[in-house]
Amino acid sequence: MGVYEELQARGLIAQVTNEEEIKSMVNAGKAVFYIGFDCTADSLTAGHFMALTLMKRLQMAGNKPIALIGGGTTMIGDPSGRTDMRKMLTKEDIDYNAACFKRQMENFIEFGEDKAMMVNNADWLLSLNYVELLREVGACFSVNNMLRADCYKQRMEKGLSFLEFNYMIMQSYDFYMLFQKYGCNMQFGGDDQWSNMLGGTELIRRKLGEDAHAMTITLLTDSQGNKMGKTAGNAVWLDPNKTSPFDFYQYWRNVDDADVLKCLRMLTFLPLEQIEEMAHWEGSQLNRAKEILAFELTKLVHGEEEAAKAQEGAKALFGARGNTTNMPTTALSAEDFADGKISILDLLVKTGLAASKGEARRLVQQGGVSAVEEKVTDIGKTFSETDFSEGQLILKKGKKVFHKVTL
C-alpha cells in the first residue's frame, strides 16, 4: 500500500485537483508540499493535529514538507469558518507565536537541509507594492468567483471587510512564490481552505503556465459534526503550560465511543490492521481503545515519559492501579484561607476550574462540582485544613475534569 492509499484508508483525503498525478507524486516521494499556519496564538492546538501528522506521514515516505508561517497573512486574518473578524496582532506578537510554533512542530517534523523547511510569508508579502500587486495578479482573479467561495459566505452575512477579502489573493500569492522559490508543487490544507487553494493553482497556471496541485484534509469532527479539539469551549493546546499533558491525555481518553476508531485511524501511526481489530471491541475493551488513543497522541506531543505519567494519573481517577502524583495540582498557602477556611468558589477560581466567581457559582448551582467524591450543592460551602486528607483534596468538574488541591 502506497502512502496515498494509506491516507485514503485512514479517511484523511477530502478533495484533490488531479488524483492520479497527486497519487503518483506522493507515492514516489516527489512532492514538495506546503501547509500554512497563521500565527494567531502562541501555541498550536489539537485542531492542527491533522496537518502535523499528515506532514509527518508524507515526510516518512520521502516527500519534502514546507511549513509556511503566516507572518504576513496573519496581519489580515483568514475569514474561513468565521462569523466575526479576527483580532489584529502586531508584528512582534506574530514573530513570537511563530517561534513557539516551530518548537512544537519539531516534535512531528524533521527540519534541516534537504528535509523539512520553515519559511515565513512575511518575507515577500510585507514588502509588496500595492499597485504592482494589482497589476501583477489582480487580473487573474474574478470577483464574482471569489464571492461564491465558501470561505467568504459566513462573513458575508455580518459584513466582510475589504481587508479580509484580500486573504484569498494573499494565500494564492504564497503558493505562487513557493512554486518559484522552492519548487513547491503541492498545497495541503483543511477542507475549508479549498477555494483559497484553487486560487493558488489557478494563479500559477495563468502566470507561469505550469500545473500545481492541491489536496484538502478531512476536518476532524465528532459524531455530531462539531470540530474536535476543544473542551468546555476552550482549545486543547499543544503547549504543556496551556494544556497540561494530563488534561491533554484526558481529552482524548474521554472522546465519545463513536469517535474513537476514527481518531485512531486519522491521528495515530498505529497500523491499520491493529486499529481494525478494535472495531469489534465493546464495553471495557472500548475503554482500552480510548486509553491507547490518549497514550499515543500524548506521546506524540509530549513524549513517552509524560504520556506514561498522564496515564498513571488517569487510572487513579477510576480506582484502578495508579496514583494522583501526575494529576494537575494547585498548592494553597496560608494566605488563601480566611479565618482558617476557603470557599468552594475561591477554590474553583484558584485552581482554574472556573474563570470567575460567577462561573464558579453557576457550576455549583448546576450540580457540576464535587469535592472529596461528594457533590457540592451549596455555593457557601467552605473547607478547612482538616478537610484535606493527607494534605490533599480532589475536586471534580463535570464527569471528566479532576484537579488536586494541596496544602
Foldseek 3Di string as FASTA:
>chain_A
DFLVVLCVVLQWFDDKDDVVVVSVCQRQLNAEEEEEDELLDLFDFPQCLLVLQVLLSSLVSNHEYEYEYALPLNQLAQLAPHLDGRDHDDSVSSVNSVVSHVVQSVLRFDDDVSHYYYYYLCVPNVPDDPVVLCVLCVVLDDPVVLCPQNSCVSNVVVDDDPSNSCSLVSLLVVLLVCCVPPVRQEYEEAPSCVVSRVSNQSSCCVNPVDGGMYIYTYFCAAPVRHGDQADPNHGHTLPCVVPNLLNQLLSQLPGDLRCLLSLCSSRAPPDPVVSVVLVPDDDVSSSVSSLVSSLRVSCSRPNNVSSVLSSLCVCVVVVHHHDNPSFAEDEDDPVCADVQKHFQLSVCCRSVVAVHSVRSLVQLCVQFKDKPPHTRNDNRDMDGQVSAVVQWIWMGGHDGHIYIYGD
